[in-house]
Amino acid sequence: MELYEIILCFFIYGFLGWCTEVAFAAAKEQRFVNRGFLNGPICPIYGVGVMAVVLLLTPYKNNILILYVASIIVVTALEWITGFILEKLFHSKWWDYSHMPLNLNGYVCLLFSLIWGVACVIIVKWIHPLIFKGISFLPKWLGTTLLIILMGIILVDVYVTVANILRMNRHLAKMEEIAAELRKIADELGANISENILGAIERKDDLAEGMQGYSEELKKRADELKEKYHDIKFKNARSVRRILRAFPRMHSGKYKESMDDLREYFKKAYFKKKK
């Protein structure tokens, strides 16, 4: 295959993979969900994975057993590497199979690897020959023009997506800092209330007067922090909501509490709107 044909097939399989994810989510959740990493209708991991299988394993397409086992190995390795790299880059696990039996680090699991193996056998033996034949009927000038346009679009999409994710991580970090300070204020307020209560009892002072000034100052600071937390929480809300809907099992190892808070809010907001 020429590079032109490989890249064109990458876009085709990336789009078909996106359609598969969307159809699966629609059947499960009874609603449309853009399940791609990017905003556009493409899942690059499908394009890369299928083309890797096609290029590496087409010579074995007449041996079903070798083709099936090798497909499982290739797609499982690709999914594990992709999950690992995404987590290291963005401090979040985008999908998590930890609840599934025989999983490896939550990035892959045996059941889905077996299913991908079957899908790859079908693609290599029957689907790819049809797609490759269809590409051969496409005038090369038209295919090249489409590739230039598609590559330009996907580069912009990658830039926008990565920028949104990095922005979301910055917001999560600020939310964690505010939450930590609020906990510190709550502890300090509780400790001072206890001290003032004991002191007031010993001196027989008025309890309210003994702690009023300090408590009001801490409460004012807490109110300011809560307002700031609320403002940060709803910045970039549309892109955050899309990411969390696309990856419902996504969780952050670095900003777990803030991520859980965002997910819970958007979940409640969606169901409230749905009702």
C-alpha atoms as a PDB file:
ATOM      1  CA  MET A   1       0.000   0.000   0.000  1.00  0.00           C
ATOM      2  CA  GLU A   2       1.147   3.534  -0.778  1.00  0.00           C
ATOM      3  CA  LEU A   3       1.350   6.173   1.961  1.00  0.00           C
ATOM      4  CA  TYR A   4      -1.583   7.970   0.333  1.00  0.00           C
ATOM      5  CA  GLU A   5      -3.738   4.845   0.649  1.00  0.00           C
ATOM      6  CA  ILE A   6      -2.617   4.150   4.237  1.00  0.00           C
ATOM      7  CA  ILE A   7      -3.536   7.656   5.419  1.00  0.00           C
ATOM      8  CA  LEU A   8      -6.873   7.540   3.594  1.00  0.00           C
ATOM      9  CA  CYS A   9      -7.661   4.195   5.226  1.00  0.00           C
ATOM     10  CA  PHE A  10      -6.656   5.655   8.602  1.00  0.00           C
ATOM     11  CA  PHE A  11      -9.379   8.292   8.264  1.00  0.00           C
ATOM     12  CA  ILE A  12     -11.943   5.766   7.048  1.00  0.00           C
ATOM     13  CA  TYR A  13     -11.341   3.340   9.923  1.00  0.00           C
ATOM     14  CA  GLY A  14     -11.096   6.182  12.417  1.00  0.00           C
ATOM     15  CA  PHE A  15     -14.533   7.356  11.300  1.00  0.00           C
ATOM     16  CA  LEU A  16     -15.991   3.827  11.331  1.00  0.00           C
ATOM     17  CA  GLY A  17     -14.549   3.325  14.820  1.00  0.00           C
ATOM     18  CA  TRP A  18     -16.211   6.544  15.960  1.00  0.00           C
ATOM     19  CA  CYS A  19     -19.527   5.341  14.498  1.00  0.00           C
ATOM     20  CA  THR A  20     -19.139   2.048  16.381  1.00  0.00           C
ATOM     21  CA  GLU A  21     -18.470   3.826  19.701  1.00  0.00           C
ATOM     22  CA  VAL A  22     -21.399   6.196  19.200  1.00  0.00           C
ATOM     23  CA  ALA A  23     -23.747   3.342  18.273  1.00  0.00           C
ATOM     24  CA  PHE A  24     -22.655   1.336  21.330  1.00  0.00           C
ATOM     25  CA  ALA A  25     -23.173   4.344  23.628  1.00  0.00           C
ATOM     26  CA  ALA A  26     -26.560   5.121  22.053  1.00  0.00           C
ATOM     27  CA  ALA A  27     -27.760   1.541  22.574  1.00  0.00           C
ATOM     28  CA  LYS A  28     -26.540   1.575  26.174  1.00  0.00           C
ATOM     29  CA  GLU A  29     -27.564   5.080  27.259  1.00  0.00           C
ATOM     30  CA  GLN A  30     -30.428   5.804  24.850  1.00  0.00           C
ATOM     31  CA  ARG A  31     -28.859   9.084  23.735  1.00  0.00           C
ATOM     32  CA  PHE A  32     -26.181  10.452  21.427  1.00  0.00           C
ATOM     33  CA  VAL A  33     -22.713  10.698  22.974  1.00  0.00           C
ATOM     34  CA  ASN A  34     -19.595  11.782  21.094  1.00  0.00           C
ATOM     35  CA  ARG A  35     -17.303   9.025  22.376  1.00  0.00           C
ATOM     36  CA  GLY A  36     -14.173  10.239  20.624  1.00  0.00           C
ATOM     37  CA  PHE A  37     -11.071  11.753  22.191  1.00  0.00           C
ATOM     38  CA  LEU A  38     -11.342  14.524  19.613  1.00  0.00           C
ATOM     39  CA  ASN A  39     -14.329  16.769  18.964  1.00  0.00           C
ATOM     40  CA  GLY A  40     -14.776  15.614  15.379  1.00  0.00           C
ATOM     41  CA  PRO A  41     -16.244  12.290  14.186  1.00  0.00           C
ATOM     42  CA  ILE A  42     -13.053  10.255  14.332  1.00  0.00           C
ATOM     43  CA  CYS A  43     -11.319   7.942  16.822  1.00  0.00           C
ATOM     44  CA  PRO A  44      -7.627   7.973  15.835  1.00  0.00           C
ATOM     45  CA  ILE A  45      -6.859   4.851  17.891  1.00  0.00           C
ATOM     46  CA  TYR A  46      -9.161   2.843  15.608  1.00  0.00           C
ATOM     47  CA  GLY A  47      -7.473   4.202  12.500  1.00  0.00           C
ATOM     48  CA  VAL A  48      -4.008   3.415  13.835  1.00  0.00           C
ATOM     49  CA  GLY A  49      -5.023   0.035  15.262  1.00  0.00           C
ATOM     50  CA  VAL A  50      -6.790  -1.280  12.181  1.00  0.00           C
ATOM     51  CA  MET A  51      -4.066  -0.109   9.829  1.00  0.00           C
ATOM     52  CA  ALA A  52      -1.405  -1.696  12.049  1.00  0.00           C
ATOM     53  CA  VAL A  53      -3.290  -4.998  11.900  1.00  0.00           C
ATOM     54  CA  VAL A  54      -3.854  -4.734   8.130  1.00  0.00           C
ATOM     55  CA  LEU A  55      -0.221  -3.877   7.341  1.00  0.00           C
ATOM     56  CA  LEU A  56       1.295  -6.437   9.705  1.00  0.00           C
ATOM     57  CA  LEU A  57      -1.119  -9.336   9.387  1.00  0.00           C
ATOM     58  CA  THR A  58      -2.500  -9.367   5.837  1.00  0.00           C
ATOM     59  CA  PRO A  59       0.127 -12.009   4.877  1.00  0.00           C
ATOM     60  CA  TYR A  60      -1.560 -14.334   7.417  1.00  0.00           C
ATOM     61  CA  LYS A  61      -5.177 -13.706   6.364  1.00  0.00           C
ATOM     62  CA  ASN A  62      -5.586 -17.276   5.158  1.00  0.00           C
ATOM     63  CA  ASN A  63      -4.582 -18.688   8.538  1.00  0.00           C
ATOM     64  CA  ILE A  64      -7.495 -17.753  10.820  1.00  0.00           C
ATOM     65  CA  LEU A  65      -5.824 -18.899  14.041  1.00  0.00           C
ATOM     66  CA  ILE A  66      -2.600 -16.924  13.524  1.00  0.00           C
ATOM     67  CA  LEU A  67      -4.566 -13.913  12.290  1.00  0.00           C
ATOM     68  CA  TYR A  68      -6.876 -13.995  15.322  1.00  0.00           C
ATOM     69  CA  VAL A  69      -4.172 -14.450  17.967  1.00  0.00           C
ATOM     70  CA  ALA A  70      -1.843 -11.909  16.370  1.00  0.00           C
ATOM     71  CA  SER A  71      -4.706  -9.396  16.088  1.00  0.00           C
ATOM     72  CA  ILE A  72      -5.422  -9.749  19.804  1.00  0.00           C
ATOM     73  CA  ILE A  73      -1.760  -9.115  20.605  1.00  0.00           C
ATOM     74  CA  VAL A  74      -1.475  -6.069  18.334  1.00  0.00           C
ATOM     75  CA  VAL A  75      -4.679  -4.294  19.410  1.00  0.00           C
ATOM     76  CA  THR A  76      -4.156  -5.113  23.093  1.00  0.00           C
ATOM     77  CA  ALA A  77      -0.613  -3.724  23.015  1.00  0.00           C
ATOM     78  CA  LEU A  78      -1.797  -0.604  21.191  1.00  0.00           C
ATOM     79  CA  GLU A  79      -4.669   0.012  23.619  1.00  0.00           C
ATOM     80  CA  TRP A  80      -2.414  -0.479  26.658  1.00  0.00           C
ATOM     81  CA  ILE A  81       0.286   1.839  25.292  1.00  0.00           C
ATOM     82  CA  THR A  82      -2.286   4.488  24.346  1.00  0.00           C
ATOM     83  CA  GLY A  83      -3.944   4.371  27.769  1.00  0.00           C
ATOM     84  CA  PHE A  84      -0.577   4.545  29.530  1.00  0.00           C
ATOM     85  CA  ILE A  85       0.658   7.505  27.449  1.00  0.00           C
ATOM     86  CA  LEU A  86      -2.599   9.460  27.864  1.00  0.00           C
ATOM     87  CA  GLU A  87      -2.510   8.983  31.628  1.00  0.00           C
ATOM     88  CA  LYS A  88       1.111  10.120  31.854  1.00  0.00           C
ATOM     89  CA  LEU A  89       0.495  13.139  29.627  1.00  0.00           C
ATOM     90  CA  PHE A  90      -2.791  14.342  31.144  1.00  0.00           C
ATOM     91  CA  HIS A  91      -2.727  12.767  34.650  1.00  0.00           C
ATOM     92  CA  SER A  92      -6.031  11.020  33.965  1.00  0.00           C
ATOM     93  CA  LYS A  93      -7.076   7.485  33.116  1.00  0.00           C
ATOM     94  CA  TRP A  94      -9.415   7.934  30.160  1.00  0.00           C
ATOM     95  CA  TRP A  95     -10.970   4.476  30.288  1.00  0.00           C
ATOM     96  CA  ASP A  96     -10.797   1.961  33.081  1.00  0.00           C
ATOM     97  CA  TYR A  97     -11.359  -1.797  32.889  1.00  0.00           C
ATOM     98  CA  SER A  98     -10.429  -2.319  36.546  1.00  0.00           C
ATOM     99  CA  HIS A  99     -13.950  -3.605  37.192  1.00  0.00           C
ATOM    100  CA  MET A 100     -13.502  -6.276  34.508  1.00  0.00           C
ATOM    101  CA  PRO A 101     -11.889  -9.677  35.143  1.00  0.00           C
ATOM    102  CA  LEU A 102      -8.393 -10.348  33.789  1.00  0.00           C
ATOM    103  CA  ASN A 103      -7.529  -6.694  33.156  1.00  0.00           C
ATOM    104  CA  LEU A 104      -4.035  -5.228  32.979  1.00  0.00           C
ATOM    105  CA  ASN A 105      -3.625  -1.932  34.868  1.00  0.00           C
ATOM    106  CA  GLY A 106      -7.202  -1.086  33.890  1.00  0.00           C
ATOM    107  CA  TYR A 107      -6.049  -0.204  30.352  1.00  0.00           C
ATOM    108  CA  VAL A 108      -7.021  -3.504  28.725  1.00  0.00           C
ATOM    109  CA  CYS A 109      -9.046  -6.579  29.606  1.00  0.00           C
ATOM    110  CA  LEU A 110      -9.312 -10.055  28.121  1.00  0.00           C
ATOM    111  CA  LEU A 111     -12.980  -9.850  27.076  1.00  0.00           C
ATOM    112  CA  PHE A 112     -12.591  -6.751  24.902  1.00  0.00           C
ATOM    113  CA  SER A 113      -9.281  -8.004  23.509  1.00  0.00           C
ATOM    114  CA  LEU A 114     -11.027 -11.183  22.333  1.00  0.00           C
ATOM    115  CA  ILE A 115     -13.799  -9.114  20.763  1.00  0.00           C
ATOM    116  CA  TRP A 116     -11.286  -6.845  18.985  1.00  0.00           C
ATOM    117  CA  GLY A 117      -9.568  -9.981  17.697  1.00  0.00           C
ATOM    118  CA  VAL A 118     -12.772 -11.178  16.035  1.00  0.00           C
ATOM    119  CA  ALA A 119     -13.394  -7.699  14.581  1.00  0.00           C
ATOM    120  CA  CYS A 120      -9.876  -7.573  13.149  1.00  0.00           C
ATOM    121  CA  VAL A 121     -10.251 -10.975  11.450  1.00  0.00           C
ATOM    122  CA  ILE A 122     -13.480  -9.779   9.790  1.00  0.00           C
ATOM    123  CA  ILE A 123     -11.804  -6.536   8.705  1.00  0.00           C
ATOM    124  CA  VAL A 124      -8.675  -8.131   7.266  1.00  0.00           C
ATOM    125  CA  LYS A 125     -10.488 -10.914   5.399  1.00  0.00           C
ATOM    126  CA  TRP A 126     -13.608  -9.155   4.129  1.00  0.00           C
ATOM    127  CA  ILE A 127     -14.008  -5.458   4.965  1.00  0.00           C
ATOM    128  CA  HIS A 128     -10.574  -4.073   4.060  1.00  0.00           C
ATOM    129  CA  PRO A 129     -10.481  -5.631   0.561  1.00  0.00           C
ATOM    130  CA  LEU A 130     -13.788  -3.896  -0.189  1.00  0.00           C
ATOM    131  CA  ILE A 131     -12.623  -0.553   1.197  1.00  0.00           C
ATOM    132  CA  PHE A 132      -9.295  -0.796  -0.636  1.00  0.00           C
ATOM    133  CA  LYS A 133     -11.137  -1.568  -3.867  1.00  0.00           C
ATOM    134  CA  GLY A 134     -13.399   1.438  -3.305  1.00  0.00           C
ATOM    135  CA  ILE A 135     -10.373   3.684  -2.787  1.00  0.00           C
ATOM    136  CA  SER A 136      -8.918   2.517  -6.100  1.00  0.00           C
ATOM    137  CA  PHE A 137     -11.952   4.001  -7.897  1.00  0.00           C
ATOM    138  CA  LEU A 138     -11.361   7.405  -6.277  1.00  0.00           C
ATOM    139  CA  PRO A 139      -9.371   9.794  -8.516  1.00  0.00           C
ATOM    140  CA  LYS A 140      -6.033  10.398  -6.850  1.00  0.00           C
ATOM    141  CA  TRP A 141      -6.299  14.170  -7.167  1.00  0.00           C
ATOM    142  CA  LEU A 142      -9.629  14.077  -5.347  1.00  0.00           C
ATOM    143  CA  GLY A 143      -8.309  11.719  -2.658  1.00  0.00           C
ATOM    144  CA  THR A 144      -5.233  13.909  -2.143  1.00  0.00           C
ATOM    145  CA  THR A 145      -7.399  17.021  -1.829  1.00  0.00           C
ATOM    146  CA  LEU A 146      -9.607  15.278   0.740  1.00  0.00           C
ATOM    147  CA  LEU A 147      -6.556  14.163   2.718  1.00  0.00           C
ATOM    148  CA  ILE A 148      -5.141  17.698   2.844  1.00  0.00           C
ATOM    149  CA  ILE A 149      -8.470  19.040   4.119  1.00  0.00           C
ATOM    150  CA  LEU A 150      -8.934  16.216   6.635  1.00  0.00           C
ATOM    151  CA  MET A 151      -5.387  16.484   7.946  1.00  0.00           C
ATOM    152  CA  GLY A 152      -5.818  20.232   8.417  1.00  0.00           C
ATOM    153  CA  ILE A 153      -9.073  19.664  10.321  1.00  0.00           C
ATOM    154  CA  ILE A 154      -7.657  16.937  12.561  1.00  0.00           C
ATOM    155  CA  LEU A 155      -4.567  19.021  13.422  1.00  0.00           C
ATOM    156  CA  VAL A 156      -6.804  21.907  14.527  1.00  0.00           C
ATOM    157  CA  ASP A 157      -9.005  19.451  16.446  1.00  0.00           C
ATOM    158  CA  VAL A 158      -5.991  17.950  18.245  1.00  0.00           C
ATOM    159  CA  TYR A 159      -4.775  21.433  19.209  1.00  0.00           C
ATOM    160  CA  VAL A 160      -8.195  22.499  20.534  1.00  0.00           C
ATOM    161  CA  THR A 161      -8.743  19.219  22.402  1.00  0.00           C
ATOM    162  CA  VAL A 162      -5.325  19.218  24.071  1.00  0.00           C
ATOM    163  CA  ALA A 163      -5.690  22.908  25.005  1.00  0.00           C
ATOM    164  CA  ASN A 164      -9.089  22.180  26.605  1.00  0.00           C
ATOM    165  CA  ILE A 165      -7.712  19.203  28.548  1.00  0.00           C
ATOM    166  CA  LEU A 166      -4.733  21.195  29.855  1.00  0.00           C
ATOM    167  CA  ARG A 167      -7.090  24.030  30.814  1.00  0.00           C
ATOM    168  CA  MET A 168      -9.355  21.555  32.612  1.00  0.00           C
ATOM    169  CA  ASN A 169      -6.365  20.183  34.551  1.00  0.00           C
ATOM    170  CA  ARG A 170      -5.362  23.698  35.603  1.00  0.00           C
ATOM    171  CA  HIS A 171      -8.906  24.309  36.850  1.00  0.00           C
ATOM    172  CA  LEU A 172      -8.921  20.983  38.700  1.00  0.00           C
ATOM    173  CA  ALA A 173      -5.636  21.904  40.387  1.00  0.00           C
ATOM    174  CA  LYS A 174      -7.080  25.250  41.553  1.00  0.00           C
ATOM    175  CA  MET A 175     -10.222  23.513  42.797  1.00  0.00           C
ATOM    176  CA  GLU A 176      -8.084  21.094  44.810  1.00  0.00           C
ATOM    177  CA  GLU A 177      -6.157  24.005  46.345  1.00  0.00           C
ATOM    178  CA  ILE A 178      -9.364  25.812  47.308  1.00  0.00           C
ATOM    179  CA  ALA A 179     -10.904  22.647  48.751  1.00  0.00           C
ATOM    180  CA  ALA A 180      -7.760  22.074  50.847  1.00  0.00           C
ATOM    181  CA  GLU A 181      -7.883  25.645  52.172  1.00  0.00           C
ATOM    182  CA  LEU A 182     -11.587  25.293  52.980  1.00  0.00           C
ATOM    183  CA  ARG A 183     -10.856  22.139  54.961  1.00  0.00           C
ATOM    184  CA  LYS A 184      -8.075  23.980  56.785  1.00  0.00           C
ATOM    185  CA  ILE A 185     -10.454  26.835  57.648  1.00  0.00           C
ATOM    186  CA  ALA A 186     -13.089  24.378  58.850  1.00  0.00           C
ATOM    187  CA  ASP A 187     -10.530  22.656  61.089  1.00  0.00           C
ATOM    188  CA  GLU A 188      -9.224  25.966  62.384  1.00  0.00           C
ATOM    189  CA  LEU A 189     -12.719  27.274  62.991  1.00  0.00           C
ATOM    190  CA  GLY A 190     -13.664  24.088  64.834  1.00  0.00           C
ATOM    191  CA  ALA A 191     -10.505  24.177  66.950  1.00  0.00           C
ATOM    192  CA  ASN A 192     -11.019  27.812  67.881  1.00  0.00           C
ATOM    193  CA  ILE A 193     -14.669  27.255  68.719  1.00  0.00           C
ATOM    194  CA  SER A 194     -13.606  24.460  71.057  1.00  0.00           C
ATOM    195  CA  GLU A 195     -10.942  26.651  72.668  1.00  0.00           C
ATOM    196  CA  ASN A 196     -13.339  29.580  73.017  1.00  0.00           C
ATOM    197  CA  ILE A 197     -15.999  27.364  74.529  1.00  0.00           C
ATOM    198  CA  LEU A 198     -13.564  26.066  77.159  1.00  0.00           C
ATOM    199  CA  GLY A 199     -12.204  29.544  77.807  1.00  0.00           C
ATOM    200  CA  ALA A 200     -15.663  31.032  78.107  1.00  0.00           C
ATOM    201  CA  ILE A 201     -16.713  28.314  80.509  1.00  0.00           C
ATOM    202  CA  GLU A 202     -13.646  28.876  82.684  1.00  0.00           C
ATOM    203  CA  ARG A 203     -14.031  32.666  82.675  1.00  0.00           C
ATOM    204  CA  LYS A 204     -17.839  32.532  82.687  1.00  0.00           C
ATOM    205  CA  ASP A 205     -17.798  34.880  79.671  1.00  0.00           C
ATOM    206  CA  ASP A 206     -20.450  35.262  77.050  1.00  0.00           C
ATOM    207  CA  LEU A 207     -19.736  32.470  74.541  1.00  0.00           C
ATOM    208  CA  ALA A 208     -20.956  34.421  71.479  1.00  0.00           C
ATOM    209  CA  GLU A 209     -18.746  37.434  72.261  1.00  0.00           C
ATOM    210  CA  GLY A 210     -15.726  35.192  72.848  1.00  0.00           C
ATOM    211  CA  MET A 211     -15.561  33.860  69.328  1.00  0.00           C
ATOM    212  CA  GLN A 212     -17.646  36.182  67.169  1.00  0.00           C
ATOM    213  CA  GLY A 213     -14.869  38.281  65.602  1.00  0.00           C
ATOM    214  CA  TYR A 214     -12.565  35.409  64.680  1.00  0.00           C
ATOM    215  CA  SER A 215     -15.400  33.251  63.388  1.00  0.00           C
ATOM    216  CA  GLU A 216     -16.777  35.969  61.151  1.00  0.00           C
ATOM    217  CA  GLU A 217     -13.353  36.566  59.583  1.00  0.00           C
ATOM    218  CA  LEU A 218     -12.910  32.868  58.812  1.00  0.00           C
ATOM    219  CA  LYS A 219     -16.451  32.530  57.494  1.00  0.00           C
ATOM    220  CA  LYS A 220     -15.954  35.530  55.219  1.00  0.00           C
ATOM    221  CA  ARG A 221     -12.794  33.948  53.801  1.00  0.00           C
ATOM    222  CA  ALA A 222     -14.620  30.629  53.370  1.00  0.00           C
ATOM    223  CA  ASP A 223     -17.447  32.349  51.458  1.00  0.00           C
ATOM    224  CA  GLU A 224     -14.902  34.020  49.146  1.00  0.00           C
ATOM    225  CA  LEU A 225     -13.232  30.666  48.480  1.00  0.00           C
ATOM    226  CA  LYS A 226     -16.560  28.939  47.788  1.00  0.00           C
ATOM    227  CA  GLU A 227     -17.473  31.622  45.269  1.00  0.00           C
ATOM    228  CA  LYS A 228     -14.076  31.279  43.591  1.00  0.00           C
ATOM    229  CA  TYR A 229     -14.458  27.472  43.532  1.00  0.00           C
ATOM    230  CA  HIS A 230     -17.888  27.852  41.924  1.00  0.00           C
ATOM    231  CA  ASP A 231     -16.531  30.221  39.240  1.00  0.00           C
ATOM    232  CA  ILE A 232     -13.631  27.923  38.365  1.00  0.00           C
ATOM    233  CA  LYS A 233     -15.923  24.895  38.307  1.00  0.00           C
ATOM    234  CA  PHE A 234     -18.017  26.308  35.468  1.00  0.00           C
ATOM    235  CA  LYS A 235     -15.215  27.658  33.313  1.00  0.00           C
ATOM    236  CA  ASN A 236     -14.871  25.774  30.028  1.00  0.00           C
ATOM    237  CA  ALA A 237     -18.019  23.839  31.046  1.00  0.00           C
ATOM    238  CA  ARG A 238     -19.039  22.715  27.551  1.00  0.00           C
ATOM    239  CA  SER A 239     -15.737  21.021  26.688  1.00  0.00           C
ATOM    240  CA  VAL A 240     -15.422  19.481  30.172  1.00  0.00           C
ATOM    241  CA  ARG A 241     -18.951  18.079  29.943  1.00  0.00           C
ATOM    242  CA  ARG A 242     -18.199  16.591  26.508  1.00  0.00           C
ATOM    243  CA  ILE A 243     -15.036  14.892  27.783  1.00  0.00           C
ATOM    244  CA  LEU A 244     -16.748  13.454  30.862  1.00  0.00           C
ATOM    245  CA  ARG A 245     -19.698  12.194  28.793  1.00  0.00           C
ATOM    246  CA  ALA A 246     -17.350  10.637  26.225  1.00  0.00           C
ATOM    247  CA  PHE A 247     -15.302   8.873  28.917  1.00  0.00           C
ATOM    248  CA  PRO A 248     -17.689   8.076  31.788  1.00  0.00           C
ATOM    249  CA  ARG A 249     -15.059   6.011  33.623  1.00  0.00           C
ATOM    250  CA  MET A 250     -12.379   8.648  33.292  1.00  0.00           C
ATOM    251  CA  HIS A 251     -10.735   9.511  36.594  1.00  0.00           C
ATOM    252  CA  SER A 252      -7.810  11.596  37.696  1.00  0.00           C
ATOM    253  CA  GLY A 253      -5.095  10.222  39.918  1.00  0.00           C
ATOM    254  CA  LYS A 254      -3.857  13.728  40.697  1.00  0.00           C
ATOM    255  CA  TYR A 255      -7.169  15.608  41.117  1.00  0.00           C
ATOM    256  CA  LYS A 256      -9.580  12.853  42.095  1.00  0.00           C
ATOM    257  CA  GLU A 257     -11.927  14.828  44.367  1.00  0.00           C
ATOM    258  CA  SER A 258     -12.331  17.737  41.944  1.00  0.00           C
ATOM    259  CA  MET A 259     -12.899  15.393  39.000  1.00  0.00           C
ATOM    260  CA  ASP A 260     -15.538  13.457  40.952  1.00  0.00           C
ATOM    261  CA  ASP A 261     -17.220  16.721  41.897  1.00  0.00           C
ATOM    262  CA  LEU A 262     -17.369  17.843  38.255  1.00  0.00           C
ATOM    263  CA  ARG A 263     -18.691  14.490  37.093  1.00  0.00           C
ATOM    264  CA  GLU A 264     -21.393  14.447  39.777  1.00  0.00           C
ATOM    265  CA  TYR A 265     -22.484  17.987  38.931  1.00  0.00           C
ATOM    266  CA  PHE A 266     -22.751  17.386  35.185  1.00  0.00           C
ATOM    267  CA  LYS A 267     -24.551  14.095  35.776  1.00  0.00           C
ATOM    268  CA  LYS A 268     -27.167  15.787  37.961  1.00  0.00           C
ATOM    269  CA  ALA A 269     -27.449  18.738  35.585  1.00  0.00           C
ATOM    270  CA  TYR A 270     -28.056  16.412  32.627  1.00  0.00           C
ATOM    271  CA  PHE A 271     -30.720  14.344  34.349  1.00  0.00           C
ATOM    272  CA  LYS A 272     -32.418  17.463  35.685  1.00  0.00           C
ATOM    273  CA  LYS A 273     -32.517  18.899  32.177  1.00  0.00           C
ATOM    274  CA  LYS A 274     -33.738  15.583  30.766  1.00  0.00           C
ATOM    275  CA  LYS A 275     -36.686  15.504  33.201  1.00  0.00           C
END
